[in-house]
Amino acid sequence: MKQFEYKVENMQIQLNNIEFNVTITEKLNSLGKEGWELSGVNGTIYYFKREISS
């Protein structure tokens, strides 16, 4: 059975739209390289999960 770990990130970034998009993209790509997959968003709260290797 697959097992997962979870991470919650509060991403409150106050920039103009272009800088916001670049900053969020960089942050999401960084987490993706660590194996985190975005699984949900609720306002400024981003939920991630990644599979735990047995």
PDB file of N, CA and C in Angstrom:
ATOM      1  N   MET A   1       0.837  -1.175   0.000  1.00  0.00           N
ATOM      2  CA  MET A   1       0.000   0.000   0.000  1.00  0.00           C
ATOM      3  C   MET A   1       0.889   1.249   0.000  1.00  0.00           C
ATOM      4  N   LYS A   2       0.529   2.215  -0.832  1.00  0.00           N
ATOM      5  CA  LYS A   2       1.292   3.462  -0.871  1.00  0.00           C
ATOM      6  C   LYS A   2       1.063   4.252   0.410  1.00  0.00           C
ATOM      7  N   GLN A   3       2.123   4.905   0.871  1.00  0.00           N
ATOM      8  CA  GLN A   3       2.024   5.792   2.025  1.00  0.00           C
ATOM      9  C   GLN A   3       2.536   7.166   1.614  1.00  0.00           C
ATOM     10  N   PHE A   4       1.943   8.188   2.190  1.00  0.00           N
ATOM     11  CA  PHE A   4       2.292   9.556   1.842  1.00  0.00           C
ATOM     12  C   PHE A   4       2.616  10.375   3.082  1.00  0.00           C
ATOM     13  N   GLU A   5       3.425  11.404   2.879  1.00  0.00           N
ATOM     14  CA  GLU A   5       3.616  12.428   3.902  1.00  0.00           C
ATOM     15  C   GLU A   5       3.067  13.718   3.316  1.00  0.00           C
ATOM     16  N   TYR A   6       2.697  14.638   4.192  1.00  0.00           N
ATOM     17  CA  TYR A   6       2.020  15.850   3.757  1.00  0.00           C
ATOM     18  C   TYR A   6       2.749  17.090   4.275  1.00  0.00           C
ATOM     19  N   LYS A   7       2.571  18.176   3.536  1.00  0.00           N
ATOM     20  CA  LYS A   7       3.210  19.449   3.884  1.00  0.00           C
ATOM     21  C   LYS A   7       2.201  20.554   3.603  1.00  0.00           C
ATOM     22  N   VAL A   8       2.122  21.536   4.496  1.00  0.00           N
ATOM     23  CA  VAL A   8       1.244  22.685   4.313  1.00  0.00           C
ATOM     24  C   VAL A   8       2.112  23.936   4.258  1.00  0.00           C
ATOM     25  N   GLU A   9       1.912  24.744   3.233  1.00  0.00           N
ATOM     26  CA  GLU A   9       2.673  25.982   3.059  1.00  0.00           C
ATOM     27  C   GLU A   9       1.701  27.151   2.970  1.00  0.00           C
ATOM     28  N   ASN A  10       1.928  28.177   3.750  1.00  0.00           N
ATOM     29  CA  ASN A  10       1.150  29.408   3.658  1.00  0.00           C
ATOM     30  C   ASN A  10       1.955  30.380   2.796  1.00  0.00           C
ATOM     31  N   MET A  11       1.504  30.615   1.564  1.00  0.00           N
ATOM     32  CA  MET A  11       2.255  31.454   0.629  1.00  0.00           C
ATOM     33  C   MET A  11       1.547  32.786   0.452  1.00  0.00           C
ATOM     34  N   GLN A  12       1.861  33.713   1.326  1.00  0.00           N
ATOM     35  CA  GLN A  12       1.320  35.062   1.233  1.00  0.00           C
ATOM     36  C   GLN A  12       2.399  35.957   0.657  1.00  0.00           C
ATOM     37  N   ILE A  13       2.302  36.195  -0.636  1.00  0.00           N
ATOM     38  CA  ILE A  13       3.300  36.995  -1.334  1.00  0.00           C
ATOM     39  C   ILE A  13       2.608  38.238  -1.865  1.00  0.00           C
ATOM     40  N   GLN A  14       3.079  39.413  -1.463  1.00  0.00           N
ATOM     41  CA  GLN A  14       2.453  40.655  -1.862  1.00  0.00           C
ATOM     42  C   GLN A  14       3.346  41.397  -2.851  1.00  0.00           C
ATOM     43  N   LEU A  15       3.155  41.078  -4.117  1.00  0.00           N
ATOM     44  CA  LEU A  15       3.926  41.689  -5.188  1.00  0.00           C
ATOM     45  C   LEU A  15       2.969  41.995  -6.333  1.00  0.00           C
ATOM     46  N   ASN A  16       3.468  42.663  -7.375  1.00  0.00           N
ATOM     47  CA  ASN A  16       2.595  42.845  -8.529  1.00  0.00           C
ATOM     48  C   ASN A  16       2.397  41.492  -9.207  1.00  0.00           C
ATOM     49  N   ASN A  17       1.451  41.396 -10.113  1.00  0.00           N
ATOM     50  CA  ASN A  17       1.056  40.106 -10.702  1.00  0.00           C
ATOM     51  C   ASN A  17       2.207  39.368 -11.370  1.00  0.00           C
ATOM     52  N   ILE A  18       3.074  40.058 -12.101  1.00  0.00           N
ATOM     53  CA  ILE A  18       4.169  39.387 -12.798  1.00  0.00           C
ATOM     54  C   ILE A  18       5.146  38.799 -11.789  1.00  0.00           C
ATOM     55  N   GLU A  19       5.549  39.595 -10.785  1.00  0.00           N
ATOM     56  CA  GLU A  19       6.472  39.101  -9.761  1.00  0.00           C
ATOM     57  C   GLU A  19       5.839  37.976  -8.958  1.00  0.00           C
ATOM     58  N   PHE A  20       4.541  38.071  -8.681  1.00  0.00           N
ATOM     59  CA  PHE A  20       3.832  37.022  -7.947  1.00  0.00           C
ATOM     60  C   PHE A  20       3.913  35.708  -8.719  1.00  0.00           C
ATOM     61  N   ASN A  21       3.595  35.753 -10.019  1.00  0.00           N
ATOM     62  CA  ASN A  21       3.623  34.534 -10.842  1.00  0.00           C
ATOM     63  C   ASN A  21       5.005  33.920 -10.881  1.00  0.00           C
ATOM     64  N   VAL A  22       6.037  34.737 -11.030  1.00  0.00           N
ATOM     65  CA  VAL A  22       7.409  34.227 -11.074  1.00  0.00           C
ATOM     66  C   VAL A  22       7.775  33.624  -9.729  1.00  0.00           C
ATOM     67  N   THR A  23       7.461  34.308  -8.646  1.00  0.00           N
ATOM     68  CA  THR A  23       7.802  33.837  -7.298  1.00  0.00           C
ATOM     69  C   THR A  23       7.089  32.525  -6.972  1.00  0.00           C
ATOM     70  N   ILE A  24       5.790  32.456  -7.247  1.00  0.00           N
ATOM     71  CA  ILE A  24       5.034  31.224  -6.979  1.00  0.00           C
ATOM     72  C   ILE A  24       5.559  30.086  -7.840  1.00  0.00           C
ATOM     73  N   THR A  25       5.832  30.359  -9.120  1.00  0.00           N
ATOM     74  CA  THR A  25       6.364  29.329 -10.020  1.00  0.00           C
ATOM     75  C   THR A  25       7.683  28.789  -9.506  1.00  0.00           C
ATOM     76  N   GLU A  26       8.571  29.677  -9.071  1.00  0.00           N
ATOM     77  CA  GLU A  26       9.872  29.242  -8.538  1.00  0.00           C
ATOM     78  C   GLU A  26       9.685  28.383  -7.290  1.00  0.00           C
ATOM     79  N   LYS A  27       8.800  28.802  -6.393  1.00  0.00           N
ATOM     80  CA  LYS A  27       8.551  28.064  -5.155  1.00  0.00           C
ATOM     81  C   LYS A  27       7.963  26.683  -5.456  1.00  0.00           C
ATOM     82  N   LEU A  28       6.969  26.630  -6.359  1.00  0.00           N
ATOM     83  CA  LEU A  28       6.347  25.352  -6.700  1.00  0.00           C
ATOM     84  C   LEU A  28       7.335  24.420  -7.390  1.00  0.00           C
ATOM     85  N   ASN A  29       8.169  24.955  -8.286  1.00  0.00           N
ATOM     86  CA  ASN A  29       9.178  24.133  -8.947  1.00  0.00           C
ATOM     87  C   ASN A  29      10.195  23.589  -7.947  1.00  0.00           C
ATOM     88  N   SER A  30      10.567  24.407  -6.981  1.00  0.00           N
ATOM     89  CA  SER A  30      11.513  23.982  -5.953  1.00  0.00           C
ATOM     90  C   SER A  30      10.936  22.809  -5.140  1.00  0.00           C
ATOM     91  N   LEU A  31       9.695  22.945  -4.730  1.00  0.00           N
ATOM     92  CA  LEU A  31       9.048  21.862  -3.973  1.00  0.00           C
ATOM     93  C   LEU A  31       8.872  20.621  -4.841  1.00  0.00           C
ATOM     94  N   GLY A  32       8.565  20.804  -6.120  1.00  0.00           N
ATOM     95  CA  GLY A  32       8.423  19.679  -7.036  1.00  0.00           C
ATOM     96  C   GLY A  32       9.719  18.897  -7.174  1.00  0.00           C
ATOM     97  N   LYS A  33      10.853  19.610  -7.209  1.00  0.00           N
ATOM     98  CA  LYS A  33      12.149  18.943  -7.303  1.00  0.00           C
ATOM     99  C   LYS A  33      12.452  18.117  -6.059  1.00  0.00           C
ATOM    100  N   GLU A  34      11.842  18.483  -4.929  1.00  0.00           N
ATOM    101  CA  GLU A  34      11.991  17.724  -3.685  1.00  0.00           C
ATOM    102  C   GLU A  34      11.004  16.566  -3.611  1.00  0.00           C
ATOM    103  N   GLY A  35      10.185  16.409  -4.658  1.00  0.00           N
ATOM    104  CA  GLY A  35       9.234  15.304  -4.696  1.00  0.00           C
ATOM    105  C   GLY A  35       7.834  15.650  -4.238  1.00  0.00           C
ATOM    106  N   TRP A  36       7.585  16.911  -3.871  1.00  0.00           N
ATOM    107  CA  TRP A  36       6.267  17.312  -3.384  1.00  0.00           C
ATOM    108  C   TRP A  36       5.337  17.556  -4.567  1.00  0.00           C
ATOM    109  N   GLU A  37       4.113  17.064  -4.446  1.00  0.00           N
ATOM    110  CA  GLU A  37       3.082  17.246  -5.464  1.00  0.00           C
ATOM    111  C   GLU A  37       1.969  18.097  -4.868  1.00  0.00           C
ATOM    112  N   LEU A  38       1.594  19.159  -5.576  1.00  0.00           N
ATOM    113  CA  LEU A  38       0.505  20.021  -5.114  1.00  0.00           C
ATOM    114  C   LEU A  38      -0.790  19.217  -5.138  1.00  0.00           C
ATOM    115  N   SER A  39      -1.473  19.151  -3.997  1.00  0.00           N
ATOM    116  CA  SER A  39      -2.703  18.367  -3.935  1.00  0.00           C
ATOM    117  C   SER A  39      -3.931  19.215  -3.622  1.00  0.00           C
ATOM    118  N   GLY A  40      -3.731  20.485  -3.277  1.00  0.00           N
ATOM    119  CA  GLY A  40      -4.880  21.350  -3.024  1.00  0.00           C
ATOM    120  C   GLY A  40      -4.462  22.754  -2.661  1.00  0.00           C
ATOM    121  N   VAL A  41      -5.389  23.693  -2.853  1.00  0.00           N
ATOM    122  CA  VAL A  41      -5.160  25.095  -2.510  1.00  0.00           C
ATOM    123  C   VAL A  41      -6.432  25.628  -1.870  1.00  0.00           C
ATOM    124  N   ASN A  42      -6.265  26.381  -0.794  1.00  0.00           N
ATOM    125  CA  ASN A  42      -7.386  27.051  -0.140  1.00  0.00           C
ATOM    126  C   ASN A  42      -6.923  28.459   0.201  1.00  0.00           C
ATOM    127  N   GLY A  43      -7.173  29.395  -0.699  1.00  0.00           N
ATOM    128  CA  GLY A  43      -6.699  30.762  -0.507  1.00  0.00           C
ATOM    129  C   GLY A  43      -5.189  30.815  -0.629  1.00  0.00           C
ATOM    130  N   THR A  44      -4.512  31.178   0.454  1.00  0.00           N
ATOM    131  CA  THR A  44      -3.053  31.247   0.441  1.00  0.00           C
ATOM    132  C   THR A  44      -2.407  30.000   1.033  1.00  0.00           C
ATOM    133  N   ILE A  45      -3.220  29.002   1.381  1.00  0.00           N
ATOM    134  CA  ILE A  45      -2.718  27.756   1.950  1.00  0.00           C
ATOM    135  C   ILE A  45      -2.596  26.726   0.825  1.00  0.00           C
ATOM    136  N   TYR A  46      -1.387  26.190   0.646  1.00  0.00           N
ATOM    137  CA  TYR A  46      -1.104  25.206  -0.389  1.00  0.00           C
ATOM    138  C   TYR A  46      -0.787  23.875   0.285  1.00  0.00           C
ATOM    139  N   TYR A  47      -1.433  22.807  -0.166  1.00  0.00           N
ATOM    140  CA  TYR A  47      -1.259  21.479   0.401  1.00  0.00           C
ATOM    141  C   TYR A  47      -0.466  20.602  -0.569  1.00  0.00           C
ATOM    142  N   PHE A  48       0.544  19.924  -0.053  1.00  0.00           N
ATOM    143  CA  PHE A  48       1.399  19.072  -0.863  1.00  0.00           C
ATOM    144  C   PHE A  48       1.462  17.684  -0.259  1.00  0.00           C
ATOM    145  N   LYS A  49       1.752  16.699  -1.117  1.00  0.00           N
ATOM    146  CA  LYS A  49       1.975  15.338  -0.623  1.00  0.00           C
ATOM    147  C   LYS A  49       3.107  14.732  -1.454  1.00  0.00           C
ATOM    148  N   ARG A  50       3.769  13.733  -0.861  1.00  0.00           N
ATOM    149  CA  ARG A  50       4.736  12.937  -1.604  1.00  0.00           C
ATOM    150  C   ARG A  50       4.731  11.548  -1.015  1.00  0.00           C
ATOM    151  N   GLU A  51       5.023  10.594  -1.900  1.00  0.00           N
ATOM    152  CA  GLU A  51       5.024   9.204  -1.499  1.00  0.00           C
ATOM    153  C   GLU A  51       6.242   8.917  -0.646  1.00  0.00           C
ATOM    154  N   ILE A  52       6.037   8.128   0.410  1.00  0.00           N
ATOM    155  CA  ILE A  52       7.122   7.708   1.287  1.00  0.00           C
ATOM    156  C   ILE A  52       7.689   6.423   0.714  1.00  0.00           C
ATOM    157  N   SER A  53       9.004   6.387   0.511  1.00  0.00           N
ATOM    158  CA  SER A  53       9.659   5.169   0.032  1.00  0.00           C
ATOM    159  C   SER A  53       9.845   4.199   1.187  1.00  0.00           C
ATOM    160  N   SER A  54       9.460   2.973   0.967  1.00  0.00           N
ATOM    161  CA  SER A  54       9.578   1.961   2.026  1.00  0.00           C
ATOM    162  C   SER A  54      10.965   1.406   2.083  1.00  0.00           C
TER     163      SER A  54
END
